[in-house]
């Protein structure tokens, strides 16, 4: 029996793939759990429409990320902080602080998108990478200055 997988199934195939399985496996396991549907012309057409919708949505999200990248690439942020006598910071600057700074500028970026390998603990100019989308990233320049 041929079925169309609705989700990835381990050792069988990926979502959207048409696979041949035994009748019992399809009727007793795959179909009741919503992992597959019987391969028919109407189901194949529905699958094609769902793929097109998914592709359009992915393109829309990517385009939005590219527009955001263009706006952020022109941005240079200044972060005034309290320092000790030897130009060391009292605390450190984390991705949460950078997220808050971006939010103040009108950009709602997730904390996980800010790629900060280790917290910033000194004054200076830093290039911080932001991953807006799996295919779209941008560097933001942050000036850490004495308050």
C-alpha atoms as a PDB file:
ATOM      1  CA  UNK A   1       0.000   0.000   0.000  1.00  0.00           C
ATOM      2  CA  UNK A   2       1.250   3.490  -0.818  1.00  0.00           C
ATOM      3  CA  UNK A   3       0.845   6.284   1.716  1.00  0.00           C
ATOM      4  CA  UNK A   4       1.810   9.962   1.857  1.00  0.00           C
ATOM      5  CA  UNK A   5       3.729  10.857   5.000  1.00  0.00           C
ATOM      6  CA  UNK A   6       2.362  13.907   6.822  1.00  0.00           C
ATOM      7  CA  UNK A   7       5.310  14.003   9.239  1.00  0.00           C
ATOM      8  CA  UNK A   8       8.856  12.674   9.304  1.00  0.00           C
ATOM      9  CA  UNK A   9       8.844   9.008  10.333  1.00  0.00           C
ATOM     10  CA  UNK A  10      12.082   7.503  11.593  1.00  0.00           C
ATOM     11  CA  UNK A  11      13.565   4.903   9.206  1.00  0.00           C
ATOM     12  CA  UNK A  12      10.689   5.397   6.743  1.00  0.00           C
ATOM     13  CA  UNK A  13      10.843   8.839   5.173  1.00  0.00           C
ATOM     14  CA  UNK A  14      10.316  12.572   5.374  1.00  0.00           C
ATOM     15  CA  UNK A  15       7.069  14.545   5.389  1.00  0.00           C
ATOM     16  CA  UNK A  16       5.467  14.775   1.943  1.00  0.00           C
ATOM     17  CA  UNK A  17       7.143  11.655   0.650  1.00  0.00           C
ATOM     18  CA  UNK A  18       5.131   8.819  -0.932  1.00  0.00           C
ATOM     19  CA  UNK A  19       6.269   5.476   0.488  1.00  0.00           C
ATOM     20  CA  UNK A  20       5.174   1.885   0.099  1.00  0.00           C
ATOM     21  CA  UNK A  21       4.363   0.076   3.364  1.00  0.00           C
ATOM     22  CA  UNK A  22       2.480  -3.023   4.427  1.00  0.00           C
ATOM     23  CA  UNK A  23      -1.306  -2.675   4.805  1.00  0.00           C
ATOM     24  CA  UNK A  24      -1.324  -3.479   8.517  1.00  0.00           C
ATOM     25  CA  UNK A  25       1.407  -0.947   9.304  1.00  0.00           C
ATOM     26  CA  UNK A  26      -0.502   1.750   7.434  1.00  0.00           C
ATOM     27  CA  UNK A  27      -3.973   0.965   8.860  1.00  0.00           C
ATOM     28  CA  UNK A  28      -2.900   0.171  12.424  1.00  0.00           C
ATOM     29  CA  UNK A  29      -0.071   2.616  13.033  1.00  0.00           C
ATOM     30  CA  UNK A  30       0.542   5.393  10.485  1.00  0.00           C
ATOM     31  CA  UNK A  31      -3.002   6.502   9.625  1.00  0.00           C
ATOM     32  CA  UNK A  32      -4.545   6.403  13.150  1.00  0.00           C
ATOM     33  CA  UNK A  33      -1.678   8.479  14.554  1.00  0.00           C
ATOM     34  CA  UNK A  34      -1.968  11.066  11.797  1.00  0.00           C
ATOM     35  CA  UNK A  35       1.480  10.297  10.423  1.00  0.00           C
ATOM     36  CA  UNK A  36       0.232   9.404   6.934  1.00  0.00           C
ATOM     37  CA  UNK A  37      -2.746   9.361   4.594  1.00  0.00           C
ATOM     38  CA  UNK A  38      -3.604   6.926   1.826  1.00  0.00           C
ATOM     39  CA  UNK A  39      -2.048   7.906  -1.488  1.00  0.00           C
ATOM     40  CA  UNK A  40      -4.791   9.146  -3.803  1.00  0.00           C
ATOM     41  CA  UNK A  41      -5.127  11.849  -6.428  1.00  0.00           C
ATOM     42  CA  UNK A  42      -6.996  14.200  -4.081  1.00  0.00           C
ATOM     43  CA  UNK A  43      -4.468  13.676  -1.288  1.00  0.00           C
ATOM     44  CA  UNK A  44      -1.573  14.267  -3.709  1.00  0.00           C
ATOM     45  CA  UNK A  45      -3.178  17.538  -4.851  1.00  0.00           C
ATOM     46  CA  UNK A  46      -3.715  18.578  -1.231  1.00  0.00           C
ATOM     47  CA  UNK A  47      -0.057  17.755  -0.520  1.00  0.00           C
ATOM     48  CA  UNK A  48       1.069  19.943  -3.435  1.00  0.00           C
ATOM     49  CA  UNK A  49      -1.073  22.837  -2.178  1.00  0.00           C
ATOM     50  CA  UNK A  50       0.322  22.485   1.345  1.00  0.00           C
ATOM     51  CA  UNK A  51       3.886  22.482  -0.032  1.00  0.00           C
ATOM     52  CA  UNK A  52       3.177  25.653  -2.006  1.00  0.00           C
ATOM     53  CA  UNK A  53       1.655  27.339   1.067  1.00  0.00           C
ATOM     54  CA  UNK A  54       4.647  26.313   3.187  1.00  0.00           C
ATOM     55  CA  UNK A  55       7.100  27.608   0.565  1.00  0.00           C
ATOM     56  CA  UNK A  56       5.263  30.931   0.312  1.00  0.00           C
ATOM     57  CA  UNK A  57       5.292  31.303   4.096  1.00  0.00           C
ATOM     58  CA  UNK A  58       9.021  30.497   4.258  1.00  0.00           C
ATOM     59  CA  UNK A  59       9.737  33.059   1.529  1.00  0.00           C
ATOM     60  CA  UNK A  60       7.679  35.686   3.358  1.00  0.00           C
ATOM     61  CA  UNK A  61       9.572  35.078   6.613  1.00  0.00           C
ATOM     62  CA  UNK A  62      12.919  35.222   4.799  1.00  0.00           C
ATOM     63  CA  UNK A  63      11.993  38.458   3.033  1.00  0.00           C
ATOM     64  CA  UNK A  64      10.970  40.020   6.359  1.00  0.00           C
ATOM     65  CA  UNK A  65      14.321  38.952   7.869  1.00  0.00           C
ATOM     66  CA  UNK A  66      16.196  40.503   4.922  1.00  0.00           C
ATOM     67  CA  UNK A  67      14.312  43.795   5.348  1.00  0.00           C
ATOM     68  CA  UNK A  68      15.143  43.748   9.055  1.00  0.00           C
ATOM     69  CA  UNK A  69      18.798  43.033   8.212  1.00  0.00           C
ATOM     70  CA  UNK A  70      18.938  46.090   5.949  1.00  0.00           C
ATOM     71  CA  UNK A  71      17.563  48.326   8.722  1.00  0.00           C
ATOM     72  CA  UNK A  72      19.812  46.893  11.436  1.00  0.00           C
ATOM     73  CA  UNK A  73      22.999  47.003   9.335  1.00  0.00           C
ATOM     74  CA  UNK A  74      22.834  50.820   9.353  1.00  0.00           C
ATOM     75  CA  UNK A  75      22.495  50.869  13.136  1.00  0.00           C
ATOM     76  CA  UNK A  76      25.279  51.729  15.571  1.00  0.00           C
ATOM     77  CA  UNK A  77      24.357  51.592  19.262  1.00  0.00           C
ATOM     78  CA  UNK A  78      25.986  53.223  22.262  1.00  0.00           C
ATOM     79  CA  UNK A  79      25.730  51.574  25.659  1.00  0.00           C
ATOM     80  CA  UNK A  80      26.875  53.717  28.621  1.00  0.00           C
ATOM     81  CA  UNK A  81      27.951  51.633  31.634  1.00  0.00           C
ATOM     82  CA  UNK A  82      29.407  52.176  35.081  1.00  0.00           C
ATOM     83  CA  UNK A  83      33.104  51.311  35.343  1.00  0.00           C
ATOM     84  CA  UNK A  84      35.721  50.781  38.002  1.00  0.00           C
ATOM     85  CA  UNK A  85      38.980  52.715  38.149  1.00  0.00           C
ATOM     86  CA  UNK A  86      40.799  50.410  35.720  1.00  0.00           C
ATOM     87  CA  UNK A  87      38.196  50.765  32.941  1.00  0.00           C
ATOM     88  CA  UNK A  88      36.626  47.444  33.893  1.00  0.00           C
ATOM     89  CA  UNK A  89      32.852  47.099  34.040  1.00  0.00           C
ATOM     90  CA  UNK A  90      31.097  46.482  37.338  1.00  0.00           C
ATOM     91  CA  UNK A  91      29.097  43.699  35.768  1.00  0.00           C
ATOM     92  CA  UNK A  92      29.070  42.409  32.232  1.00  0.00           C
ATOM     93  CA  UNK A  93      26.981  43.016  29.136  1.00  0.00           C
ATOM     94  CA  UNK A  94      24.922  39.986  28.113  1.00  0.00           C
ATOM     95  CA  UNK A  95      22.686  39.181  25.196  1.00  0.00           C
ATOM     96  CA  UNK A  96      19.733  40.260  27.355  1.00  0.00           C
ATOM     97  CA  UNK A  97      21.225  43.757  27.665  1.00  0.00           C
ATOM     98  CA  UNK A  98      21.753  43.915  23.906  1.00  0.00           C
ATOM     99  CA  UNK A  99      18.174  42.722  23.344  1.00  0.00           C
ATOM    100  CA  UNK A 100      16.899  45.516  25.600  1.00  0.00           C
ATOM    101  CA  UNK A 101      19.044  48.071  23.743  1.00  0.00           C
ATOM    102  CA  UNK A 102      17.619  46.892  20.419  1.00  0.00           C
ATOM    103  CA  UNK A 103      14.085  47.005  21.835  1.00  0.00           C
ATOM    104  CA  UNK A 104      14.633  50.661  22.815  1.00  0.00           C
ATOM    105  CA  UNK A 105      15.561  51.331  19.177  1.00  0.00           C
ATOM    106  CA  UNK A 106      12.353  49.675  17.983  1.00  0.00           C
ATOM    107  CA  UNK A 107      13.661  46.237  16.990  1.00  0.00           C
ATOM    108  CA  UNK A 108      12.068  43.210  18.619  1.00  0.00           C
ATOM    109  CA  UNK A 109      14.832  40.597  18.336  1.00  0.00           C
ATOM    110  CA  UNK A 110      14.775  37.308  20.233  1.00  0.00           C
ATOM    111  CA  UNK A 111      17.527  36.810  22.775  1.00  0.00           C
ATOM    112  CA  UNK A 112      18.529  33.521  21.123  1.00  0.00           C
ATOM    113  CA  UNK A 113      19.208  35.384  17.850  1.00  0.00           C
ATOM    114  CA  UNK A 114      22.009  37.385  19.470  1.00  0.00           C
ATOM    115  CA  UNK A 115      25.210  35.383  19.147  1.00  0.00           C
ATOM    116  CA  UNK A 116      27.394  36.515  22.020  1.00  0.00           C
ATOM    117  CA  UNK A 117      30.116  33.953  22.689  1.00  0.00           C
ATOM    118  CA  UNK A 118      30.970  35.438  26.085  1.00  0.00           C
ATOM    119  CA  UNK A 119      29.711  38.458  27.994  1.00  0.00           C
ATOM    120  CA  UNK A 120      31.385  41.807  27.302  1.00  0.00           C
ATOM    121  CA  UNK A 121      33.475  42.892  30.303  1.00  0.00           C
ATOM    122  CA  UNK A 122      35.383  45.925  29.017  1.00  0.00           C
ATOM    123  CA  UNK A 123      34.936  49.226  27.224  1.00  0.00           C
ATOM    124  CA  UNK A 124      35.333  49.405  23.461  1.00  0.00           C
ATOM    125  CA  UNK A 125      33.676  48.807  20.114  1.00  0.00           C
ATOM    126  CA  UNK A 126      32.204  45.367  19.497  1.00  0.00           C
ATOM    127  CA  UNK A 127      30.729  43.674  16.422  1.00  0.00           C
ATOM    128  CA  UNK A 128      27.923  41.400  17.584  1.00  0.00           C
ATOM    129  CA  UNK A 129      26.415  38.941  15.073  1.00  0.00           C
ATOM    130  CA  UNK A 130      22.636  38.521  14.917  1.00  0.00           C
ATOM    131  CA  UNK A 131      21.070  35.496  13.239  1.00  0.00           C
ATOM    132  CA  UNK A 132      17.676  36.700  12.029  1.00  0.00           C
ATOM    133  CA  UNK A 133      16.886  33.642   9.892  1.00  0.00           C
ATOM    134  CA  UNK A 134      18.790  30.441   9.043  1.00  0.00           C
ATOM    135  CA  UNK A 135      19.944  32.127   5.820  1.00  0.00           C
ATOM    136  CA  UNK A 136      20.057  35.771   7.009  1.00  0.00           C
ATOM    137  CA  UNK A 137      22.504  37.228   9.520  1.00  0.00           C
ATOM    138  CA  UNK A 138      23.907  40.687  10.237  1.00  0.00           C
ATOM    139  CA  UNK A 139      26.552  42.277  12.472  1.00  0.00           C
ATOM    140  CA  UNK A 140      25.623  45.130  14.773  1.00  0.00           C
ATOM    141  CA  UNK A 141      28.176  47.612  16.111  1.00  0.00           C
ATOM    142  CA  UNK A 142      27.943  48.396  19.816  1.00  0.00           C
ATOM    143  CA  UNK A 143      29.999  51.107  21.480  1.00  0.00           C
ATOM    144  CA  UNK A 144      30.475  50.385  25.188  1.00  0.00           C
ATOM    145  CA  UNK A 145      31.392  53.711  26.838  1.00  0.00           C
ATOM    146  CA  UNK A 146      31.923  55.049  30.351  1.00  0.00           C
ATOM    147  CA  UNK A 147      28.852  56.578  31.987  1.00  0.00           C
END
